[in-house]
């Protein structure tokens, strides 16, 4: 068995593990800090909305030796607006300029063609209106709202409302972190980004449901046992599914990472790059939240119930009583093994370490005469004589 498989077996049997539930406040603090940073980046820098959302023109050049930096400087010079230039591979450039109408688009294309040393007809120009992007955004928000409502209803029926609430908080946590990363780093928000964000919800929810299923199975007969508290069983369940959850996330991240770093970074995949980027950030956040947010939050909600709190107190009281009884039994066993005072140990010493002899012990039991130290006369002395006097 591999080391990872052996670790998974030990985690499942409860022989090893990390106290996620016991240290949940630390993880809550880390998540809150990340969320605050994400919101700060969103408020300070804002989102870099793509041309599909703000309108403008997209110019695609044929294969050229013009650098990305030069193309961006020239596009901003002739248009008067900020430009985004991407290399799509084999020297093909994609130039996005926002806030342009048809006449401005034609003029910018001609000036770019003249500077790049090519014909204007060789540069493909597409004019995008902001209405299309706003429709996509509205549909995305509607889909997000409907999805979350259905998720809460399903989890409340399949598990319980506390798990549904925890899963909803974890989903919001994942989306917030992903949007915050886009704002801080300055990634462009495109329709591909929206598709990736909606896809994140399914992956994050899948990982959370795997963890919740193990928690439900472990705590099924919770009140019929008196060995573990609810938090301890929840933590044991989480450690039991930890390796499975990590493996699921890694397997999902590997193709996304390949699409992002190879397809986007090397080949310049355009729309696929935007989708892969949002998926990579969202899946990483989802793996994190399903482990350190979802289950500890469910345990927090459950341990607030009067029945669970009362049972946890009984478990802890029984555990303390068993420990006290074991301590008393150990003390009694240790006392029974000590030698009585005045009786020699195996090395010929008494309780205080003083030498003890058998003759001295016998002397204490014999009445003493005037001398106090004369030994008694033998019993056979003077037998068969009229008197004990020596002739």
Protein backbone atom coordinates (compact mmCIF):
# COMPACT_ATOMS: atom_id res chain seq x y z
CA UNK A 1 0.00 0.00 0.00
CA UNK A 2 1.27 3.48 -0.85
CA UNK A 3 2.02 6.04 1.84
CA UNK A 4 -1.03 8.08 0.86
CA UNK A 5 -3.22 4.98 0.97
CA UNK A 6 -1.81 4.00 4.36
CA UNK A 7 -2.44 7.53 5.65
CA UNK A 8 -6.01 7.39 4.35
CA UNK A 9 -6.60 4.06 6.11
CA UNK A 10 -5.19 5.42 9.38
CA UNK A 11 -7.36 8.54 9.09
CA UNK A 12 -10.42 6.41 8.40
CA UNK A 13 -9.78 4.20 11.45
CA UNK A 14 -9.17 7.22 13.66
CA UNK A 15 -5.54 6.32 14.34
CA UNK A 16 -4.35 9.69 12.99
CA UNK A 17 -5.96 13.00 12.21
CA UNK A 18 -6.03 16.75 12.61
CA UNK A 19 -8.47 18.47 14.93
CA UNK A 20 -10.31 20.61 12.36
CA UNK A 21 -13.41 20.98 14.52
CA UNK A 22 -11.50 21.78 17.70
CA UNK A 23 -9.44 24.45 15.93
CA UNK A 24 -12.32 25.74 13.83
CA UNK A 25 -12.02 29.29 15.16
CA UNK A 26 -8.54 29.53 13.65
CA UNK A 27 -9.85 28.49 10.24
CA UNK A 28 -12.82 30.82 10.60
CA UNK A 29 -10.39 33.65 11.21
CA UNK A 30 -8.32 32.71 8.14
CA UNK A 31 -11.42 32.56 5.95
CA UNK A 32 -12.72 35.87 7.25
CA UNK A 33 -9.34 37.48 6.58
CA UNK A 34 -9.28 36.14 3.00
CA UNK A 35 -12.85 37.33 2.45
CA UNK A 36 -12.02 40.82 3.76
CA UNK A 37 -9.03 41.03 1.41
CA UNK A 38 -11.23 39.90 -1.49
CA UNK A 39 -13.87 42.54 -0.70
CA UNK A 40 -11.19 45.20 -0.31
CA UNK A 41 -9.75 44.36 -3.71
CA UNK A 42 -13.22 44.43 -5.22
CA UNK A 43 -14.02 47.85 -3.72
CA UNK A 44 -10.63 49.46 -4.37
CA UNK A 45 -9.70 48.10 -7.77
CA UNK A 46 -13.01 46.84 -9.09
CA UNK A 47 -13.46 44.25 -11.81
CA UNK A 48 -11.76 44.56 -15.16
CA UNK A 49 -14.85 44.02 -17.25
CA UNK A 50 -14.31 42.65 -20.73
CA UNK A 51 -15.43 44.33 -23.88
CA UNK A 52 -18.50 42.12 -24.00
CA UNK A 53 -19.84 43.93 -20.92
CA UNK A 54 -18.78 47.51 -21.61
CA UNK A 55 -18.95 47.59 -25.41
CA UNK A 56 -16.26 48.46 -27.94
CA UNK A 57 -14.33 46.89 -30.81
CA UNK A 58 -12.21 43.77 -31.15
CA UNK A 59 -9.45 43.69 -33.78
CA UNK A 60 -7.82 40.42 -34.80
CA UNK A 61 -4.66 40.65 -36.86
CA UNK A 62 -3.10 38.02 -39.09
CA UNK A 63 0.28 36.59 -38.23
CA UNK A 64 2.66 39.45 -37.51
CA UNK A 65 5.99 40.18 -35.86
CA UNK A 66 4.61 43.17 -33.93
CA UNK A 67 5.09 42.82 -30.18
CA UNK A 68 2.19 42.87 -27.74
CA UNK A 69 3.54 45.97 -26.01
CA UNK A 70 3.87 47.94 -29.22
CA UNK A 71 0.38 46.94 -30.36
CA UNK A 72 -1.10 48.07 -27.05
CA UNK A 73 0.67 51.44 -27.12
CA UNK A 74 -0.41 52.09 -30.70
CA UNK A 75 -4.03 51.06 -30.08
CA UNK A 76 -4.30 53.35 -27.05
CA UNK A 77 -2.68 56.20 -28.99
CA UNK A 78 -5.04 56.07 -31.98
CA UNK A 79 -8.22 55.29 -30.01
CA UNK A 80 -7.78 57.35 -26.86
CA UNK A 81 -9.02 54.45 -24.71
CA UNK A 82 -7.36 51.68 -22.74
CA UNK A 83 -6.55 48.64 -24.86
CA UNK A 84 -6.06 44.97 -24.00
CA UNK A 85 -3.83 42.94 -26.31
CA UNK A 86 -3.50 39.16 -26.24
CA UNK A 87 -1.30 36.91 -28.36
CA UNK A 88 -3.39 33.99 -29.57
CA UNK A 89 -0.45 31.99 -30.91
CA UNK A 90 1.64 32.05 -34.14
CA UNK A 91 1.92 35.84 -33.93
CA UNK A 92 -1.86 36.49 -34.12
CA UNK A 93 -2.92 39.44 -31.95
CA UNK A 94 -6.31 40.18 -30.42
CA UNK A 95 -6.77 43.88 -29.59
CA UNK A 96 -9.72 45.02 -27.50
CA UNK A 97 -10.63 48.68 -27.24
CA UNK A 98 -13.68 49.80 -25.28
CA UNK A 99 -16.06 52.72 -25.78
CA UNK A 100 -16.02 52.89 -29.58
CA UNK A 101 -18.66 53.22 -32.28
CA UNK A 102 -18.56 52.09 -35.91
CA UNK A 103 -16.81 55.16 -37.36
CA UNK A 104 -14.13 55.14 -34.68
CA UNK A 105 -13.61 51.42 -35.24
CA UNK A 106 -12.98 51.91 -38.96
CA UNK A 107 -10.50 54.70 -38.34
CA UNK A 108 -8.58 52.74 -35.68
CA UNK A 109 -8.37 49.68 -37.95
CA UNK A 110 -6.87 51.71 -40.78
CA UNK A 111 -4.26 53.33 -38.55
CA UNK A 112 -3.33 49.99 -36.97
CA UNK A 113 -2.96 48.41 -40.42
CA UNK A 114 -0.72 51.22 -41.57
CA UNK A 115 1.49 50.93 -38.49
CA UNK A 116 1.69 47.13 -38.67
CA UNK A 117 2.52 47.14 -42.37
CA UNK A 118 -0.56 45.30 -43.64
CA UNK A 119 -3.82 46.01 -45.43
CA UNK A 120 -6.84 47.21 -43.44
CA UNK A 121 -8.93 44.40 -44.93
CA UNK A 122 -6.58 41.83 -43.35
CA UNK A 123 -7.52 43.00 -39.85
CA UNK A 124 -10.84 41.58 -38.69
CA UNK A 125 -12.91 44.12 -36.73
CA UNK A 126 -15.94 43.24 -34.61
CA UNK A 127 -18.12 45.83 -32.89
CA UNK A 128 -19.68 44.68 -29.62
CA UNK A 129 -22.50 46.52 -27.88
CA UNK A 130 -22.82 46.59 -24.08
CA UNK A 131 -26.40 45.31 -24.17
CA UNK A 132 -25.27 41.79 -24.99
CA UNK A 133 -22.98 41.66 -21.98
CA UNK A 134 -25.63 43.04 -19.66
CA UNK A 135 -28.03 40.31 -20.81
CA UNK A 136 -25.43 37.66 -20.03
CA UNK A 137 -24.83 39.16 -16.58
CA UNK A 138 -28.55 39.26 -15.79
CA UNK A 139 -29.02 35.66 -16.89
CA UNK A 140 -26.03 34.63 -14.82
CA UNK A 141 -27.43 36.27 -11.68
CA UNK A 142 -30.80 34.63 -12.26
CA UNK A 143 -29.19 31.23 -12.76
CA UNK A 144 -27.08 31.71 -9.63
CA UNK A 145 -30.12 32.58 -7.51
CA UNK A 146 -32.19 29.65 -8.80
CA UNK A 147 -29.29 27.26 -8.31
CA UNK A 148 -28.73 28.27 -4.69
CA UNK A 149 -32.41 27.96 -3.83
CA UNK A 150 -32.55 24.45 -5.33
CA UNK A 151 -29.34 23.49 -3.51
CA UNK A 152 -30.71 24.58 -0.15
CA UNK A 153 -33.98 22.70 -0.71
CA UNK A 154 -32.22 19.51 -1.83
CA UNK A 155 -29.70 19.47 1.03
CA UNK A 156 -32.40 20.23 3.59
CA UNK A 157 -34.36 17.19 2.36
CA UNK A 158 -31.41 14.82 1.82
CA UNK A 159 -29.53 15.81 4.99
CA UNK A 160 -30.82 18.61 7.25
CA UNK A 161 -31.20 22.37 7.23
CA UNK A 162 -27.92 22.94 9.11
CA UNK A 163 -25.96 21.20 6.37
CA UNK A 164 -27.89 23.15 3.75
CA UNK A 165 -26.98 26.42 5.47
CA UNK A 166 -23.33 25.41 5.82
CA UNK A 167 -23.14 24.43 2.14
CA UNK A 168 -24.69 27.75 1.10
CA UNK A 169 -22.15 29.69 3.17
CA UNK A 170 -19.33 27.63 1.65
CA UNK A 171 -20.59 28.40 -1.88
CA UNK A 172 -20.76 32.13 -1.18
CA UNK A 173 -17.28 31.89 0.33
CA UNK A 174 -15.90 30.26 -2.85
CA UNK A 175 -17.49 32.77 -5.23
CA UNK A 176 -16.34 35.72 -3.11
CA UNK A 177 -12.74 34.51 -3.10
CA UNK A 178 -12.77 33.90 -6.86
CA UNK A 179 -14.20 37.32 -7.66
CA UNK A 180 -11.76 38.92 -5.23
CA UNK A 181 -8.79 37.24 -6.92
CA UNK A 182 -10.00 38.56 -10.28
CA UNK A 183 -10.21 42.07 -8.85
CA UNK A 184 -6.83 42.00 -7.08
CA UNK A 185 -4.86 40.48 -9.94
CA UNK A 186 -6.76 42.39 -12.62
CA UNK A 187 -7.94 39.44 -14.69
CA UNK A 188 -10.43 40.36 -17.35
CA UNK A 189 -14.03 39.32 -16.74
CA UNK A 190 -15.49 37.78 -19.89
CA UNK A 191 -18.49 35.53 -20.62
CA UNK A 192 -16.06 32.65 -20.15
CA UNK A 193 -15.45 33.86 -16.62
CA UNK A 194 -19.18 33.79 -15.92
CA UNK A 195 -19.41 30.25 -17.27
CA UNK A 196 -16.50 29.23 -15.07
CA UNK A 197 -18.09 30.78 -11.98
CA UNK A 198 -21.32 28.88 -12.55
CA UNK A 199 -19.37 25.66 -13.06
CA UNK A 200 -17.56 26.20 -9.78
CA UNK A 201 -20.83 25.84 -7.90
CA UNK A 202 -21.30 22.26 -9.04
CA UNK A 203 -17.75 21.17 -8.21
CA UNK A 204 -17.74 22.86 -4.82
CA UNK A 205 -21.11 21.40 -3.92
CA UNK A 206 -20.00 17.91 -4.98
CA UNK A 207 -17.01 18.00 -2.64
CA UNK A 208 -19.16 19.32 0.21
CA UNK A 209 -21.80 16.60 -0.27
CA UNK A 210 -19.10 13.90 -0.09
CA UNK A 211 -17.98 15.26 3.29
CA UNK A 212 -21.56 15.64 4.56
CA UNK A 213 -22.43 12.08 3.58
CA UNK A 214 -19.61 10.76 5.74
CA UNK A 215 -20.70 13.03 8.61
CA UNK A 216 -24.28 11.79 8.40
CA UNK A 217 -23.16 8.16 8.49
CA UNK A 218 -20.78 8.66 11.43
CA UNK A 219 -23.28 10.53 13.61
CA UNK A 220 -26.32 8.38 12.76
CA UNK A 221 -26.62 6.81 16.25
CA UNK A 222 -24.87 9.55 18.14
CA UNK A 223 -27.09 9.57 21.24
CA UNK A 224 -26.77 5.77 21.69
CA UNK A 225 -23.08 5.95 22.55
CA UNK A 226 -21.24 7.66 25.41
CA UNK A 227 -17.63 7.52 24.21
CA UNK A 228 -17.40 10.58 21.93
CA UNK A 229 -18.88 14.06 21.78
CA UNK A 230 -20.52 15.33 18.61
CA UNK A 231 -17.52 17.47 17.75
CA UNK A 232 -15.18 14.50 18.09
CA UNK A 233 -17.34 12.34 15.81
CA UNK A 234 -17.61 15.16 13.27
CA UNK A 235 -13.84 15.60 13.28
CA UNK A 236 -13.32 11.85 12.90
CA UNK A 237 -15.72 11.78 9.96
CA UNK A 238 -13.92 14.71 8.32
CA UNK A 239 -10.53 13.04 8.70
CA UNK A 240 -11.99 9.83 7.30
CA UNK A 241 -13.01 11.54 4.06
CA UNK A 242 -10.02 13.91 3.95
CA UNK A 243 -7.89 11.90 1.53
CA UNK A 244 -10.90 11.19 -0.68
CA UNK A 245 -11.78 14.88 -0.81
CA UNK A 246 -8.20 15.89 -1.62
CA UNK A 247 -7.90 13.25 -4.33
CA UNK A 248 -11.17 14.39 -5.91
CA UNK A 249 -10.04 18.01 -5.95
CA UNK A 250 -6.58 17.19 -7.34
CA UNK A 251 -8.03 15.06 -10.13
CA UNK A 252 -10.40 17.90 -11.05
CA UNK A 253 -7.61 20.52 -10.87
CA UNK A 254 -5.11 18.67 -13.06
CA UNK A 255 -6.95 19.03 -16.41
CA UNK A 256 -7.98 22.57 -15.51
CA UNK A 257 -4.36 23.45 -14.73
CA UNK A 258 -3.27 21.92 -18.03
CA UNK A 259 -5.88 23.95 -19.88
CA UNK A 260 -4.85 27.11 -18.03
CA UNK A 261 -1.06 26.94 -18.10
CA UNK A 262 -0.55 25.09 -21.37
CA UNK A 263 -3.61 26.02 -23.38
CA UNK A 264 -3.77 29.59 -22.14
CA UNK A 265 -0.16 30.40 -21.36
CA UNK A 266 1.53 28.64 -24.27
CA UNK A 267 -1.12 28.34 -26.97
CA UNK A 268 -3.16 31.44 -26.13
CA UNK A 269 -6.55 29.78 -25.92
CA UNK A 270 -8.60 32.96 -25.42
CA UNK A 271 -12.04 32.05 -24.11
CA UNK A 272 -10.83 28.70 -22.76
CA UNK A 273 -8.20 30.55 -20.79
CA UNK A 274 -10.86 32.65 -19.06
CA UNK A 275 -12.93 29.58 -18.20
CA UNK A 276 -9.91 27.64 -16.92
CA UNK A 277 -8.74 30.55 -14.78
CA UNK A 278 -12.02 30.91 -12.93
CA UNK A 279 -12.29 27.14 -12.54
CA UNK A 280 -8.79 26.82 -11.11
CA UNK A 281 -9.31 29.52 -8.49
CA UNK A 282 -12.81 28.35 -7.65
CA UNK A 283 -11.91 24.66 -7.33
CA UNK A 284 -9.02 25.47 -5.03
CA UNK A 285 -11.30 27.59 -2.85
CA UNK A 286 -13.97 24.87 -2.93
CA UNK A 287 -11.55 22.19 -1.73
CA UNK A 288 -10.50 24.47 1.10
CA UNK A 289 -14.02 25.42 2.18
CA UNK A 290 -15.43 21.87 2.10
CA UNK A 291 -12.77 20.78 4.61
CA UNK A 292 -12.30 23.69 7.02
CA UNK A 293 -15.61 25.57 6.67
CA UNK A 294 -18.54 23.25 5.90
CA UNK A 295 -18.16 20.46 8.48
CA UNK A 296 -16.88 22.65 11.37
CA UNK A 297 -19.81 25.00 10.74
CA UNK A 298 -22.29 22.10 10.89
CA UNK A 299 -20.68 20.92 14.14
CA UNK A 300 -20.98 24.44 15.54
CA UNK A 301 -24.69 24.58 14.72
CA UNK A 302 -25.38 21.10 16.06
CA UNK A 303 -23.50 21.64 19.34
CA UNK A 304 -25.79 24.58 20.11
CA UNK A 305 -28.83 22.29 20.37
CA UNK A 306 -29.93 21.52 23.97
CA UNK A 307 -30.10 17.76 23.35
CA UNK A 308 -26.59 17.63 21.85
CA UNK A 309 -25.17 19.85 24.59
CA UNK A 310 -26.72 17.67 27.31
CA UNK A 311 -25.37 14.49 25.72
CA UNK A 312 -21.89 16.03 25.35
CA UNK A 313 -21.93 16.93 29.05
CA UNK A 314 -22.83 13.32 29.94
CA UNK A 315 -20.00 12.03 27.77
CA UNK A 316 -17.49 14.38 29.37
CA UNK A 317 -18.75 13.59 32.87
CA UNK A 318 -18.48 9.85 32.26
CA UNK A 319 -15.00 10.31 30.82
CA UNK A 320 -13.91 12.29 33.89
CA UNK A 321 -15.38 9.65 36.25
CA UNK A 322 -13.63 6.84 34.38
CA UNK A 323 -10.35 8.73 34.60
CA UNK A 324 -10.85 9.28 38.35
CA UNK A 325 -11.69 5.60 38.94
CA UNK A 326 -8.64 4.55 36.95
CA UNK A 327 -6.49 6.89 39.03
CA UNK A 328 -7.87 5.51 42.31
CA UNK A 329 -7.36 1.93 41.15
CA UNK A 330 -3.79 2.73 40.22
CA UNK A 331 -3.15 4.29 43.63
CA UNK A 332 -4.61 1.25 45.42
CA UNK A 333 -2.49 -1.14 43.39
CA UNK A 334 0.61 0.91 44.13
CA UNK A 335 -0.21 0.91 47.89
CA UNK A 336 -0.77 -2.87 47.95
CA UNK A 337 2.69 -3.40 46.56
CA UNK A 338 4.45 -1.55 49.46
CA UNK A 339 6.07 -3.65 52.35
CA UNK A 340 4.58 -3.26 55.89
CA UNK A 341 6.58 -1.29 58.42
CA UNK A 342 9.15 -3.39 60.27
CA UNK A 343 9.13 -6.24 57.72
CA UNK A 344 12.26 -6.69 55.67
CA UNK A 345 12.19 -6.13 51.94
CA UNK A 346 13.92 -8.44 49.54
CA UNK A 347 17.20 -6.58 50.02
CA UNK A 348 17.10 -6.84 53.83
CA UNK A 349 16.02 -3.25 54.47
CA UNK A 350 12.87 -1.92 56.03
CA UNK A 351 10.45 0.77 54.87
CA UNK A 352 12.77 3.57 55.92
CA UNK A 353 15.89 1.84 54.60
CA UNK A 354 17.05 0.64 58.10
CA UNK A 355 18.57 -2.88 58.42
CA UNK A 356 16.20 -5.43 59.96
CA UNK A 357 17.18 -8.89 61.34
CA UNK A 358 14.97 -11.85 62.14
CA UNK A 359 16.41 -12.17 65.65
CA UNK A 360 15.46 -8.65 66.48
CA UNK A 361 11.91 -9.28 65.33
CA UNK A 362 11.66 -12.39 67.49
CA UNK A 363 13.03 -10.54 70.45
CA UNK A 364 10.20 -8.07 70.35
CA UNK A 365 7.68 -10.90 70.81
CA UNK A 366 9.51 -12.54 73.78
CA UNK A 367 9.16 -11.34 77.43
CA UNK A 368 12.43 -9.92 78.57
CA UNK A 369 14.16 -10.74 81.90
CA UNK A 370 16.25 -8.56 84.07
CA UNK A 371 19.03 -8.50 81.56
CA UNK A 372 16.55 -7.98 78.79
CA UNK A 373 18.80 -9.65 76.29
CA UNK A 374 19.40 -13.23 77.61
CA UNK A 375 18.07 -15.82 75.21
CA UNK A 376 15.44 -18.32 76.50
CA UNK A 377 16.61 -21.74 77.85
CA UNK A 378 16.15 -24.75 75.60
CA UNK A 379 12.92 -26.70 76.13
CA UNK A 380 14.69 -30.08 76.58
CA UNK A 381 16.93 -28.91 79.38
CA UNK A 382 16.43 -30.88 82.74
CA UNK A 383 13.97 -33.35 81.13
CA UNK A 384 13.73 -36.66 83.14
CA UNK A 385 15.19 -35.14 86.33
CA UNK A 386 13.47 -34.46 89.67
CA UNK A 387 14.42 -30.91 89.43
CA UNK A 388 15.86 -28.63 86.92
CA UNK A 389 18.97 -28.22 89.07
CA UNK A 390 22.24 -29.58 87.65
CA UNK A 391 23.90 -32.40 89.67
